[in-house]
């Protein structure tokens, strides 16, 4: 499921806590985004139409909850990034970050540990 960057900001609020009313989503985003209430409600409606969230009637308002799991979205987004920019391969991605000195010592240690775990799992 494709969701825009702006929609992902709204989803992030709902992934952290749900169900929430539109007013609560607006409140949660007030300190992070310079968006009007109407913009946030439009984003909620788009997400609802895409099937990324559900809305349950609660008196005179609706409570929104995510249907799209964050893990599923991250997997789809990362696969798309790899496919678009690195022909679906992870090694060129890591090489790119290494070349531009975007890997910290901690990142490198974590990558080494991950590679060891992958090697151990394939033995």
PDB file of N, CA and C in Angstrom:
ATOM      1  N   UNK A   1       0.843  -1.176   0.000  1.00  0.00           N
ATOM      2  CA  UNK A   1       0.000   0.000   0.000  1.00  0.00           C
ATOM      3  C   UNK A   1       0.887   1.237   0.000  1.00  0.00           C
ATOM      4  N   UNK A   2       0.657   2.105  -0.931  1.00  0.00           N
ATOM      5  CA  UNK A   2       1.426   3.332  -1.042  1.00  0.00           C
ATOM      6  C   UNK A   2       0.800   4.425  -0.187  1.00  0.00           C
ATOM      7  N   UNK A   3       1.582   4.986   0.713  1.00  0.00           N
ATOM      8  CA  UNK A   3       1.132   6.150   1.450  1.00  0.00           C
ATOM      9  C   UNK A   3       2.197   7.239   1.306  1.00  0.00           C
ATOM     10  N   UNK A   4       1.739   8.471   1.236  1.00  0.00           N
ATOM     11  CA  UNK A   4       2.650   9.592   1.032  1.00  0.00           C
ATOM     12  C   UNK A   4       3.444   9.876   2.310  1.00  0.00           C
ATOM     13  N   UNK A   5       4.439  10.729   2.159  1.00  0.00           N
ATOM     14  CA  UNK A   5       5.239  11.111   3.317  1.00  0.00           C
ATOM     15  C   UNK A   5       4.363  11.800   4.370  1.00  0.00           C
ATOM     16  N   UNK A   6       3.475  12.696   3.928  1.00  0.00           N
ATOM     17  CA  UNK A   6       2.576  13.380   4.870  1.00  0.00           C
ATOM     18  C   UNK A   6       1.648  12.378   5.551  1.00  0.00           C
ATOM     19  N   UNK A   7       1.124  11.428   4.792  1.00  0.00           N
ATOM     20  CA  UNK A   7       0.251  10.408   5.374  1.00  0.00           C
ATOM     21  C   UNK A   7       1.008   9.563   6.394  1.00  0.00           C
ATOM     22  N   UNK A   8       2.285   9.316   6.135  1.00  0.00           N
ATOM     23  CA  UNK A   8       3.077   8.503   7.064  1.00  0.00           C
ATOM     24  C   UNK A   8       3.263   9.219   8.402  1.00  0.00           C
ATOM     25  N   UNK A   9       3.272  10.543   8.398  1.00  0.00           N
ATOM     26  CA  UNK A   9       3.377  11.305   9.648  1.00  0.00           C
ATOM     27  C   UNK A   9       2.116  11.079  10.487  1.00  0.00           C
ATOM     28  N   UNK A  10       0.956  11.094   9.842  1.00  0.00           N
ATOM     29  CA  UNK A  10      -0.303  10.832  10.534  1.00  0.00           C
ATOM     30  C   UNK A  10      -0.325   9.381  11.016  1.00  0.00           C
ATOM     31  N   UNK A  11       0.120   8.461  10.166  1.00  0.00           N
ATOM     32  CA  UNK A  11       0.163   7.049  10.567  1.00  0.00           C
ATOM     33  C   UNK A  11       1.056   6.856  11.785  1.00  0.00           C
ATOM     34  N   UNK A  12       2.157   7.581  11.838  1.00  0.00           N
ATOM     35  CA  UNK A  12       3.077   7.451  12.961  1.00  0.00           C
ATOM     36  C   UNK A  12       2.370   7.770  14.276  1.00  0.00           C
ATOM     37  N   UNK A  13       1.525   8.789  14.264  1.00  0.00           N
ATOM     38  CA  UNK A  13       0.750   9.133  15.469  1.00  0.00           C
ATOM     39  C   UNK A  13      -0.143   7.961  15.852  1.00  0.00           C
ATOM     40  N   UNK A  14      -0.812   7.374  14.864  1.00  0.00           N
ATOM     41  CA  UNK A  14      -1.740   6.271  15.139  1.00  0.00           C
ATOM     42  C   UNK A  14      -1.009   4.984  15.491  1.00  0.00           C
ATOM     43  N   UNK A  15       0.175   4.777  14.954  1.00  0.00           N
ATOM     44  CA  UNK A  15       0.956   3.597  15.329  1.00  0.00           C
ATOM     45  C   UNK A  15       1.394   3.694  16.788  1.00  0.00           C
ATOM     46  N   UNK A  16       1.664   4.891  17.240  1.00  0.00           N
ATOM     47  CA  UNK A  16       2.111   5.066  18.625  1.00  0.00           C
ATOM     48  C   UNK A  16       0.977   4.896  19.624  1.00  0.00           C
ATOM     49  N   UNK A  17      -0.240   5.348  19.233  1.00  0.00           N
ATOM     50  CA  UNK A  17      -1.367   5.276  20.171  1.00  0.00           C
ATOM     51  C   UNK A  17      -2.665   5.295  19.377  1.00  0.00           C
ATOM     52  N   UNK A  18      -3.556   4.406  19.708  1.00  0.00           N
ATOM     53  CA  UNK A  18      -4.857   4.350  19.051  1.00  0.00           C
ATOM     54  C   UNK A  18      -5.855   3.615  19.941  1.00  0.00           C
ATOM     55  N   UNK A  19      -7.114   3.788  19.726  1.00  0.00           N
ATOM     56  CA  UNK A  19      -7.746   4.655  18.731  1.00  0.00           C
ATOM     57  C   UNK A  19      -7.697   6.122  19.176  1.00  0.00           C
ATOM     58  N   UNK A  20      -7.704   7.015  18.196  1.00  0.00           N
ATOM     59  CA  UNK A  20      -7.689   8.448  18.460  1.00  0.00           C
ATOM     60  C   UNK A  20      -8.742   9.139  17.613  1.00  0.00           C
ATOM     61  N   UNK A  21      -9.325  10.192  18.160  1.00  0.00           N
ATOM     62  CA  UNK A  21     -10.211  11.050  17.393  1.00  0.00           C
ATOM     63  C   UNK A  21      -9.386  12.020  16.570  1.00  0.00           C
ATOM     64  N   UNK A  22     -10.001  12.633  15.576  1.00  0.00           N
ATOM     65  CA  UNK A  22      -9.289  13.587  14.720  1.00  0.00           C
ATOM     66  C   UNK A  22      -8.685  14.713  15.550  1.00  0.00           C
ATOM     67  N   UNK A  23      -9.405  15.177  16.569  1.00  0.00           N
ATOM     68  CA  UNK A  23      -8.902  16.261  17.407  1.00  0.00           C
ATOM     69  C   UNK A  23      -7.633  15.843  18.165  1.00  0.00           C
ATOM     70  N   UNK A  24      -7.561  14.577  18.541  1.00  0.00           N
ATOM     71  CA  UNK A  24      -6.367  14.076  19.233  1.00  0.00           C
ATOM     72  C   UNK A  24      -5.188  13.946  18.276  1.00  0.00           C
ATOM     73  N   UNK A  25      -5.461  13.554  17.037  1.00  0.00           N
ATOM     74  CA  UNK A  25      -4.407  13.483  16.026  1.00  0.00           C
ATOM     75  C   UNK A  25      -3.891  14.893  15.747  1.00  0.00           C
ATOM     76  N   UNK A  26      -4.805  15.838  15.606  1.00  0.00           N
ATOM     77  CA  UNK A  26      -4.423  17.242  15.392  1.00  0.00           C
ATOM     78  C   UNK A  26      -3.547  17.717  16.547  1.00  0.00           C
ATOM     79  N   UNK A  27      -3.959  17.427  17.775  1.00  0.00           N
ATOM     80  CA  UNK A  27      -3.184  17.820  18.951  1.00  0.00           C
ATOM     81  C   UNK A  27      -1.797  17.202  18.984  1.00  0.00           C
ATOM     82  N   UNK A  28      -1.712  15.949  18.614  1.00  0.00           N
ATOM     83  CA  UNK A  28      -0.423  15.253  18.608  1.00  0.00           C
ATOM     84  C   UNK A  28       0.529  15.831  17.565  1.00  0.00           C
ATOM     85  N   UNK A  29      -0.033  16.326  16.465  1.00  0.00           N
ATOM     86  CA  UNK A  29       0.801  16.857  15.382  1.00  0.00           C
ATOM     87  C   UNK A  29       1.085  18.352  15.518  1.00  0.00           C
ATOM     88  N   UNK A  30       0.392  19.017  16.417  1.00  0.00           N
ATOM     89  CA  UNK A  30       0.526  20.479  16.548  1.00  0.00           C
ATOM     90  C   UNK A  30       1.972  20.918  16.799  1.00  0.00           C
ATOM     91  N   UNK A  31       2.686  20.178  17.608  1.00  0.00           N
ATOM     92  CA  UNK A  31       4.062  20.573  17.925  1.00  0.00           C
ATOM     93  C   UNK A  31       5.073  20.102  16.877  1.00  0.00           C
ATOM     94  N   UNK A  32       4.668  19.176  16.014  1.00  0.00           N
ATOM     95  CA  UNK A  32       5.599  18.614  15.024  1.00  0.00           C
ATOM     96  C   UNK A  32       5.424  19.182  13.626  1.00  0.00           C
ATOM     97  N   UNK A  33       4.219  19.578  13.297  1.00  0.00           N
ATOM     98  CA  UNK A  33       3.911  20.010  11.936  1.00  0.00           C
ATOM     99  C   UNK A  33       3.200  21.353  11.961  1.00  0.00           C
ATOM    100  N   UNK A  34       3.395  22.108  10.918  1.00  0.00           N
ATOM    101  CA  UNK A  34       2.686  23.380  10.784  1.00  0.00           C
ATOM    102  C   UNK A  34       1.511  23.175   9.832  1.00  0.00           C
ATOM    103  N   UNK A  35       0.638  22.241  10.207  1.00  0.00           N
ATOM    104  CA  UNK A  35      -0.506  21.895   9.373  1.00  0.00           C
ATOM    105  C   UNK A  35      -1.786  22.403  10.015  1.00  0.00           C
ATOM    106  N   UNK A  36      -2.716  22.817   9.165  1.00  0.00           N
ATOM    107  CA  UNK A  36      -4.040  23.207   9.633  1.00  0.00           C
ATOM    108  C   UNK A  36      -4.852  21.948   9.951  1.00  0.00           C
ATOM    109  N   UNK A  37      -5.868  22.117  10.770  1.00  0.00           N
ATOM    110  CA  UNK A  37      -6.742  20.999  11.127  1.00  0.00           C
ATOM    111  C   UNK A  37      -7.352  20.359   9.886  1.00  0.00           C
ATOM    112  N   UNK A  38      -7.752  21.180   8.921  1.00  0.00           N
ATOM    113  CA  UNK A  38      -8.360  20.651   7.696  1.00  0.00           C
ATOM    114  C   UNK A  38      -7.397  19.754   6.927  1.00  0.00           C
ATOM    115  N   UNK A  39      -6.129  20.097   6.931  1.00  0.00           N
ATOM    116  CA  UNK A  39      -5.113  19.284   6.249  1.00  0.00           C
ATOM    117  C   UNK A  39      -5.027  17.909   6.892  1.00  0.00           C
ATOM    118  N   UNK A  40      -5.005  17.863   8.205  1.00  0.00           N
ATOM    119  CA  UNK A  40      -4.895  16.589   8.925  1.00  0.00           C
ATOM    120  C   UNK A  40      -6.144  15.741   8.691  1.00  0.00           C
ATOM    121  N   UNK A  41      -7.309  16.373   8.689  1.00  0.00           N
ATOM    122  CA  UNK A  41      -8.543  15.630   8.431  1.00  0.00           C
ATOM    123  C   UNK A  41      -8.571  15.096   6.999  1.00  0.00           C
ATOM    124  N   UNK A  42      -8.028  15.861   6.064  1.00  0.00           N
ATOM    125  CA  UNK A  42      -7.921  15.383   4.680  1.00  0.00           C
ATOM    126  C   UNK A  42      -7.013  14.160   4.617  1.00  0.00           C
ATOM    127  N   UNK A  43      -5.888  14.215   5.330  1.00  0.00           N
ATOM    128  CA  UNK A  43      -4.962  13.078   5.356  1.00  0.00           C
ATOM    129  C   UNK A  43      -5.619  11.856   5.992  1.00  0.00           C
ATOM    130  N   UNK A  44      -6.373  12.064   7.052  1.00  0.00           N
ATOM    131  CA  UNK A  44      -7.101  10.947   7.671  1.00  0.00           C
ATOM    132  C   UNK A  44      -8.086  10.331   6.680  1.00  0.00           C
ATOM    133  N   UNK A  45      -8.801  11.168   5.937  1.00  0.00           N
ATOM    134  CA  UNK A  45      -9.756  10.657   4.943  1.00  0.00           C
ATOM    135  C   UNK A  45      -9.055   9.892   3.829  1.00  0.00           C
ATOM    136  N   UNK A  46      -7.905  10.386   3.389  1.00  0.00           N
ATOM    137  CA  UNK A  46      -7.145   9.664   2.354  1.00  0.00           C
ATOM    138  C   UNK A  46      -6.724   8.289   2.862  1.00  0.00           C
ATOM    139  N   UNK A  47      -6.223   8.260   4.094  1.00  0.00           N
ATOM    140  CA  UNK A  47      -5.792   6.987   4.677  1.00  0.00           C
ATOM    141  C   UNK A  47      -6.968   6.031   4.855  1.00  0.00           C
ATOM    142  N   UNK A  48      -8.102   6.576   5.206  1.00  0.00           N
ATOM    143  CA  UNK A  48      -9.318   5.778   5.349  1.00  0.00           C
ATOM    144  C   UNK A  48      -9.723   5.190   4.000  1.00  0.00           C
ATOM    145  N   UNK A  49      -9.703   6.009   2.954  1.00  0.00           N
ATOM    146  CA  UNK A  49     -10.063   5.548   1.606  1.00  0.00           C
ATOM    147  C   UNK A  49      -9.082   4.509   1.065  1.00  0.00           C
ATOM    148  N   UNK A  50      -7.837   4.596   1.466  1.00  0.00           N
ATOM    149  CA  UNK A  50      -6.833   3.627   1.034  1.00  0.00           C
ATOM    150  C   UNK A  50      -6.911   2.321   1.823  1.00  0.00           C
ATOM    151  N   UNK A  51      -7.635   2.326   2.933  1.00  0.00           N
ATOM    152  CA  UNK A  51      -7.721   1.136   3.776  1.00  0.00           C
ATOM    153  C   UNK A  51      -6.558   1.006   4.745  1.00  0.00           C
ATOM    154  N   UNK A  52      -5.817   2.089   4.947  1.00  0.00           N
ATOM    155  CA  UNK A  52      -4.683   2.062   5.869  1.00  0.00           C
ATOM    156  C   UNK A  52      -5.132   2.217   7.314  1.00  0.00           C
ATOM    157  N   UNK A  53      -6.303   2.854   7.510  1.00  0.00           N
ATOM    158  CA  UNK A  53      -6.856   3.043   8.847  1.00  0.00           C
ATOM    159  C   UNK A  53      -8.333   2.696   8.834  1.00  0.00           C
ATOM    160  N   UNK A  54      -8.867   2.489  10.028  1.00  0.00           N
ATOM    161  CA  UNK A  54     -10.311   2.266  10.190  1.00  0.00           C
ATOM    162  C   UNK A  54     -10.877   3.409  11.019  1.00  0.00           C
ATOM    163  N   UNK A  55     -12.187   3.596  10.909  1.00  0.00           N
ATOM    164  CA  UNK A  55     -12.868   4.620  11.694  1.00  0.00           C
ATOM    165  C   UNK A  55     -14.085   3.980  12.359  1.00  0.00           C
ATOM    166  N   UNK A  56     -14.168   4.122  13.667  1.00  0.00           N
ATOM    167  CA  UNK A  56     -15.300   3.591  14.426  1.00  0.00           C
ATOM    168  C   UNK A  56     -16.055   4.765  15.039  1.00  0.00           C
ATOM    169  N   UNK A  57     -17.358   4.761  14.830  1.00  0.00           N
ATOM    170  CA  UNK A  57     -18.201   5.843  15.350  1.00  0.00           C
ATOM    171  C   UNK A  57     -18.206   5.790  16.876  1.00  0.00           C
ATOM    172  N   UNK A  58     -17.986   6.942  17.490  1.00  0.00           N
ATOM    173  CA  UNK A  58     -17.985   7.072  18.944  1.00  0.00           C
ATOM    174  C   UNK A  58     -18.775   8.337  19.276  1.00  0.00           C
ATOM    175  N   UNK A  59     -20.085   8.180  19.409  1.00  0.00           N
ATOM    176  CA  UNK A  59     -20.939   9.351  19.622  1.00  0.00           C
ATOM    177  C   UNK A  59     -20.998  10.185  18.362  1.00  0.00           C
ATOM    178  N   UNK A  60     -20.554  11.427  18.480  1.00  0.00           N
ATOM    179  CA  UNK A  60     -20.585  12.339  17.326  1.00  0.00           C
ATOM    180  C   UNK A  60     -19.258  12.403  16.581  1.00  0.00           C
ATOM    181  N   UNK A  61     -18.307  11.586  16.978  1.00  0.00           N
ATOM    182  CA  UNK A  61     -16.998  11.621  16.325  1.00  0.00           C
ATOM    183  C   UNK A  61     -16.580  10.223  15.905  1.00  0.00           C
ATOM    184  N   UNK A  62     -15.480  10.150  15.199  1.00  0.00           N
ATOM    185  CA  UNK A  62     -14.898   8.878  14.794  1.00  0.00           C
ATOM    186  C   UNK A  62     -13.563   8.687  15.490  1.00  0.00           C
ATOM    187  N   UNK A  63     -13.289   7.441  15.829  1.00  0.00           N
ATOM    188  CA  UNK A  63     -11.999   7.068  16.393  1.00  0.00           C
ATOM    189  C   UNK A  63     -11.236   6.282  15.339  1.00  0.00           C
ATOM    190  N   UNK A  64     -10.012   6.712  15.086  1.00  0.00           N
ATOM    191  CA  UNK A  64      -9.191   6.121  14.032  1.00  0.00           C
ATOM    192  C   UNK A  64      -8.150   5.175  14.614  1.00  0.00           C
ATOM    193  N   UNK A  65      -7.958   4.060  13.921  1.00  0.00           N
ATOM    194  CA  UNK A  65      -6.951   3.060  14.293  1.00  0.00           C
ATOM    195  C   UNK A  65      -6.258   2.572  13.027  1.00  0.00           C
ATOM    196  N   UNK A  66      -4.982   2.225  13.135  1.00  0.00           N
ATOM    197  CA  UNK A  66      -4.271   1.736  11.949  1.00  0.00           C
ATOM    198  C   UNK A  66      -4.690   0.316  11.579  1.00  0.00           C
ATOM    199  N   UNK A  67      -4.853   0.076  10.305  1.00  0.00           N
ATOM    200  CA  UNK A  67      -5.018  -1.279   9.780  1.00  0.00           C
ATOM    201  C   UNK A  67      -3.695  -1.742   9.176  1.00  0.00           C
ATOM    202  N   UNK A  68      -2.974  -0.800   8.593  1.00  0.00           N
ATOM    203  CA  UNK A  68      -1.656  -1.074   8.034  1.00  0.00           C
ATOM    204  C   UNK A  68      -0.658  -1.142   9.187  1.00  0.00           C
ATOM    205  N   UNK A  69       0.033  -2.262   9.299  1.00  0.00           N
ATOM    206  CA  UNK A  69       1.041  -2.427  10.340  1.00  0.00           C
ATOM    207  C   UNK A  69       2.306  -1.673   9.950  1.00  0.00           C
ATOM    208  N   UNK A  70       2.926  -1.050  10.936  1.00  0.00           N
ATOM    209  CA  UNK A  70       4.139  -0.279  10.654  1.00  0.00           C
ATOM    210  C   UNK A  70       5.216  -1.162  10.021  1.00  0.00           C
ATOM    211  N   UNK A  71       5.389  -2.360  10.544  1.00  0.00           N
ATOM    212  CA  UNK A  71       6.403  -3.284  10.027  1.00  0.00           C
ATOM    213  C   UNK A  71       6.163  -3.593   8.551  1.00  0.00           C
ATOM    214  N   UNK A  72       4.908  -3.810   8.159  1.00  0.00           N
ATOM    215  CA  UNK A  72       4.587  -4.080   6.754  1.00  0.00           C
ATOM    216  C   UNK A  72       4.918  -2.881   5.880  1.00  0.00           C
ATOM    217  N   UNK A  73       4.606  -1.672   6.377  1.00  0.00           N
ATOM    218  CA  UNK A  73       4.892  -0.460   5.621  1.00  0.00           C
ATOM    219  C   UNK A  73       6.397  -0.259   5.461  1.00  0.00           C
ATOM    220  N   UNK A  74       7.152  -0.456   6.542  1.00  0.00           N
ATOM    221  CA  UNK A  74       8.605  -0.301   6.486  1.00  0.00           C
ATOM    222  C   UNK A  74       9.206  -1.289   5.495  1.00  0.00           C
ATOM    223  N   UNK A  75       8.719  -2.519   5.512  1.00  0.00           N
ATOM    224  CA  UNK A  75       9.241  -3.528   4.594  1.00  0.00           C
ATOM    225  C   UNK A  75       8.968  -3.138   3.143  1.00  0.00           C
ATOM    226  N   UNK A  76       7.766  -2.683   2.863  1.00  0.00           N
ATOM    227  CA  UNK A  76       7.407  -2.284   1.507  1.00  0.00           C
ATOM    228  C   UNK A  76       8.214  -1.058   1.055  1.00  0.00           C
ATOM    229  N   UNK A  77       8.342  -0.078   1.929  1.00  0.00           N
ATOM    230  CA  UNK A  77       9.099   1.129   1.601  1.00  0.00           C
ATOM    231  C   UNK A  77      10.572   0.813   1.355  1.00  0.00           C
ATOM    232  N   UNK A  78      11.155  -0.020   2.216  1.00  0.00           N
ATOM    233  CA  UNK A  78      12.580  -0.327   2.059  1.00  0.00           C
ATOM    234  C   UNK A  78      12.820  -1.164   0.801  1.00  0.00           C
ATOM    235  N   UNK A  79      11.909  -2.078   0.501  1.00  0.00           N
ATOM    236  CA  UNK A  79      12.032  -2.862  -0.732  1.00  0.00           C
ATOM    237  C   UNK A  79      11.952  -1.932  -1.948  1.00  0.00           C
ATOM    238  N   UNK A  80      11.023  -0.981  -1.906  1.00  0.00           N
ATOM    239  CA  UNK A  80      10.883  -0.027  -3.008  1.00  0.00           C
ATOM    240  C   UNK A  80      12.131   0.827  -3.191  1.00  0.00           C
ATOM    241  N   UNK A  81      12.699   1.270  -2.082  1.00  0.00           N
ATOM    242  CA  UNK A  81      13.928   2.066  -2.137  1.00  0.00           C
ATOM    243  C   UNK A  81      15.064   1.260  -2.759  1.00  0.00           C
ATOM    244  N   UNK A  82      15.231   0.033  -2.285  1.00  0.00           N
ATOM    245  CA  UNK A  82      16.293  -0.818  -2.840  1.00  0.00           C
ATOM    246  C   UNK A  82      16.081  -1.068  -4.333  1.00  0.00           C
ATOM    247  N   UNK A  83      14.839  -1.359  -4.714  1.00  0.00           N
ATOM    248  CA  UNK A  83      14.553  -1.635  -6.123  1.00  0.00           C
ATOM    249  C   UNK A  83      14.806  -0.412  -6.996  1.00  0.00           C
ATOM    250  N   UNK A  84      14.345   0.747  -6.547  1.00  0.00           N
ATOM    251  CA  UNK A  84      14.472   1.971  -7.350  1.00  0.00           C
ATOM    252  C   UNK A  84      15.904   2.450  -7.477  1.00  0.00           C
ATOM    253  N   UNK A  85      16.653   2.401  -6.383  1.00  0.00           N
ATOM    254  CA  UNK A  85      17.965   3.039  -6.376  1.00  0.00           C
ATOM    255  C   UNK A  85      19.151   2.087  -6.470  1.00  0.00           C
ATOM    256  N   UNK A  86      18.960   0.833  -6.067  1.00  0.00           N
ATOM    257  CA  UNK A  86      20.101  -0.069  -5.975  1.00  0.00           C
ATOM    258  C   UNK A  86      19.836  -1.426  -6.606  1.00  0.00           C
ATOM    259  N   UNK A  87      18.928  -1.467  -7.567  1.00  0.00           N
ATOM    260  CA  UNK A  87      18.629  -2.697  -8.303  1.00  0.00           C
ATOM    261  C   UNK A  87      18.272  -3.856  -7.367  1.00  0.00           C
ATOM    262  N   UNK A  88      17.638  -3.515  -6.242  1.00  0.00           N
ATOM    263  CA  UNK A  88      17.186  -4.544  -5.317  1.00  0.00           C
ATOM    264  C   UNK A  88      18.264  -5.150  -4.440  1.00  0.00           C
ATOM    265  N   UNK A  89      19.454  -4.558  -4.446  1.00  0.00           N
ATOM    266  CA  UNK A  89      20.581  -5.134  -3.699  1.00  0.00           C
ATOM    267  C   UNK A  89      20.955  -4.272  -2.501  1.00  0.00           C
ATOM    268  N   UNK A  90      21.284  -4.925  -1.396  1.00  0.00           N
ATOM    269  CA  UNK A  90      21.636  -4.226  -0.163  1.00  0.00           C
ATOM    270  C   UNK A  90      23.082  -3.737  -0.176  1.00  0.00           C
ATOM    271  N   UNK A  91      24.002  -4.531  -0.730  1.00  0.00           N
ATOM    272  CA  UNK A  91      25.424  -4.173  -0.684  1.00  0.00           C
ATOM    273  C   UNK A  91      25.703  -2.796  -1.308  1.00  0.00           C
ATOM    274  N   UNK A  92      25.134  -2.466  -2.477  1.00  0.00           N
ATOM    275  CA  UNK A  92      25.379  -1.121  -3.014  1.00  0.00           C
ATOM    276  C   UNK A  92      24.826  -0.007  -2.130  1.00  0.00           C
ATOM    277  N   UNK A  93      23.748  -0.277  -1.420  1.00  0.00           N
ATOM    278  CA  UNK A  93      23.198   0.704  -0.485  1.00  0.00           C
ATOM    279  C   UNK A  93      24.208   0.985   0.626  1.00  0.00           C
ATOM    280  N   UNK A  94      24.736  -0.067   1.227  1.00  0.00           N
ATOM    281  CA  UNK A  94      25.714   0.085   2.297  1.00  0.00           C
ATOM    282  C   UNK A  94      26.977   0.762   1.760  1.00  0.00           C
ATOM    283  N   UNK A  95      27.398   0.389   0.559  1.00  0.00           N
ATOM    284  CA  UNK A  95      28.574   1.010  -0.052  1.00  0.00           C
ATOM    285  C   UNK A  95      28.349   2.507  -0.260  1.00  0.00           C
ATOM    286  N   UNK A  96      27.151   2.867  -0.673  1.00  0.00           N
ATOM    287  CA  UNK A  96      26.821   4.281  -0.866  1.00  0.00           C
ATOM    288  C   UNK A  96      26.983   5.067   0.437  1.00  0.00           C
ATOM    289  N   UNK A  97      26.416   4.551   1.521  1.00  0.00           N
ATOM    290  CA  UNK A  97      26.524   5.246   2.798  1.00  0.00           C
ATOM    291  C   UNK A  97      27.962   5.267   3.296  1.00  0.00           C
ATOM    292  N   UNK A  98      28.696   4.197   3.042  1.00  0.00           N
ATOM    293  CA  UNK A  98      30.087   4.136   3.450  1.00  0.00           C
ATOM    294  C   UNK A  98      30.919   5.162   2.680  1.00  0.00           C
ATOM    295  N   UNK A  99      30.675   5.267   1.400  1.00  0.00           N
ATOM    296  CA  UNK A  99      31.420   6.195   0.532  1.00  0.00           C
ATOM    297  C   UNK A  99      31.205   7.641   0.972  1.00  0.00           C
ATOM    298  N   UNK A 100      30.019   7.943   1.414  1.00  0.00           N
ATOM    299  CA  UNK A 100      29.696   9.317   1.811  1.00  0.00           C
ATOM    300  C   UNK A 100      29.831   9.531   3.317  1.00  0.00           C
ATOM    301  N   UNK A 101      30.525   8.598   3.967  1.00  0.00           N
ATOM    302  CA  UNK A 101      30.844   8.675   5.395  1.00  0.00           C
ATOM    303  C   UNK A 101      29.613   8.901   6.262  1.00  0.00           C
ATOM    304  N   UNK A 102      28.569   8.177   5.939  1.00  0.00           N
ATOM    305  CA  UNK A 102      27.337   8.268   6.712  1.00  0.00           C
ATOM    306  C   UNK A 102      27.191   7.102   7.691  1.00  0.00           C
ATOM    307  N   UNK A 103      28.234   6.284   7.818  1.00  0.00           N
ATOM    308  CA  UNK A 103      28.193   5.157   8.751  1.00  0.00           C
ATOM    309  C   UNK A 103      29.071   5.469   9.957  1.00  0.00           C
ATOM    310  N   UNK A 104      28.481   5.421  11.134  1.00  0.00           N
ATOM    311  CA  UNK A 104      29.245   5.628  12.364  1.00  0.00           C
ATOM    312  C   UNK A 104      29.936   4.317  12.753  1.00  0.00           C
ATOM    313  N   UNK A 105      30.798   4.401  13.732  1.00  0.00           N
ATOM    314  CA  UNK A 105      31.446   3.178  14.244  1.00  0.00           C
ATOM    315  C   UNK A 105      30.391   2.212  14.780  1.00  0.00           C
ATOM    316  N   UNK A 106      29.374   2.769  15.419  1.00  0.00           N
ATOM    317  CA  UNK A 106      28.294   1.933  15.941  1.00  0.00           C
ATOM    318  C   UNK A 106      27.559   1.240  14.798  1.00  0.00           C
ATOM    319  N   UNK A 107      27.277   1.974  13.705  1.00  0.00           N
ATOM    320  CA  UNK A 107      26.621   1.380  12.541  1.00  0.00           C
ATOM    321  C   UNK A 107      27.450   0.218  11.992  1.00  0.00           C
ATOM    322  N   UNK A 108      28.749   0.433  11.879  1.00  0.00           N
ATOM    323  CA  UNK A 108      29.642  -0.589  11.331  1.00  0.00           C
ATOM    324  C   UNK A 108      29.648  -1.824  12.242  1.00  0.00           C
ATOM    325  N   UNK A 109      29.698  -1.605  13.547  1.00  0.00           N
ATOM    326  CA  UNK A 109      29.671  -2.730  14.495  1.00  0.00           C
ATOM    327  C   UNK A 109      28.365  -3.505  14.375  1.00  0.00           C
ATOM    328  N   UNK A 110      27.251  -2.788  14.232  1.00  0.00           N
ATOM    329  CA  UNK A 110      25.958  -3.451  14.087  1.00  0.00           C
ATOM    330  C   UNK A 110      25.886  -4.235  12.779  1.00  0.00           C
ATOM    331  N   UNK A 111      26.446  -3.686  11.704  1.00  0.00           N
ATOM    332  CA  UNK A 111      26.471  -4.397  10.420  1.00  0.00           C
ATOM    333  C   UNK A 111      27.321  -5.664  10.522  1.00  0.00           C
ATOM    334  N   UNK A 112      28.465  -5.569  11.186  1.00  0.00           N
ATOM    335  CA  UNK A 112      29.317  -6.762  11.368  1.00  0.00           C
ATOM    336  C   UNK A 112      28.568  -7.855  12.134  1.00  0.00           C
ATOM    337  N   UNK A 113      27.880  -7.440  13.194  1.00  0.00           N
ATOM    338  CA  UNK A 113      27.125  -8.399  14.005  1.00  0.00           C
ATOM    339  C   UNK A 113      26.016  -9.037  13.167  1.00  0.00           C
ATOM    340  N   UNK A 114      25.325  -8.233  12.390  1.00  0.00           N
ATOM    341  CA  UNK A 114      24.256  -8.738  11.539  1.00  0.00           C
ATOM    342  C   UNK A 114      24.792  -9.732  10.506  1.00  0.00           C
ATOM    343  N   UNK A 115      25.918  -9.420   9.900  1.00  0.00           N
ATOM    344  CA  UNK A 115      26.520 -10.324   8.914  1.00  0.00           C
ATOM    345  C   UNK A 115      26.918 -11.641   9.572  1.00  0.00           C
ATOM    346  N   UNK A 116      27.471 -11.561  10.776  1.00  0.00           N
ATOM    347  CA  UNK A 116      27.831 -12.794  11.503  1.00  0.00           C
ATOM    348  C   UNK A 116      26.582 -13.627  11.773  1.00  0.00           C
ATOM    349  N   UNK A 117      25.491 -12.989  12.197  1.00  0.00           N
ATOM    350  CA  UNK A 117      24.245 -13.707  12.455  1.00  0.00           C
ATOM    351  C   UNK A 117      23.699 -14.353  11.192  1.00  0.00           C
ATOM    352  N   UNK A 118      23.810 -13.648  10.077  1.00  0.00           N
ATOM    353  CA  UNK A 118      23.345 -14.207   8.800  1.00  0.00           C
ATOM    354  C   UNK A 118      24.202 -15.393   8.413  1.00  0.00           C
ATOM    355  N   UNK A 119      25.518 -15.258   8.552  1.00  0.00           N
ATOM    356  CA  UNK A 119      26.440 -16.357   8.238  1.00  0.00           C
ATOM    357  C   UNK A 119      26.165 -17.583   9.124  1.00  0.00           C
ATOM    358  N   UNK A 120      25.940 -17.348  10.411  1.00  0.00           N
ATOM    359  CA  UNK A 120      25.676 -18.442  11.337  1.00  0.00           C
ATOM    360  C   UNK A 120      24.361 -19.141  10.999  1.00  0.00           C
ATOM    361  N   UNK A 121      23.399 -18.394  10.543  1.00  0.00           N
ATOM    362  CA  UNK A 121      22.085 -18.959  10.196  1.00  0.00           C
ATOM    363  C   UNK A 121      22.108 -19.751   8.908  1.00  0.00           C
ATOM    364  N   UNK A 122      23.086 -19.512   8.055  1.00  0.00           N
ATOM    365  CA  UNK A 122      23.147 -20.205   6.772  1.00  0.00           C
ATOM    366  C   UNK A 122      24.112 -21.386   6.803  1.00  0.00           C
ATOM    367  N   UNK A 123      24.722 -21.648   7.933  1.00  0.00           N
ATOM    368  CA  UNK A 123      25.662 -22.774   8.032  1.00  0.00           C
ATOM    369  C   UNK A 123      24.937 -24.082   8.178  1.00  0.00           C
TER     370      UNK A 123
END
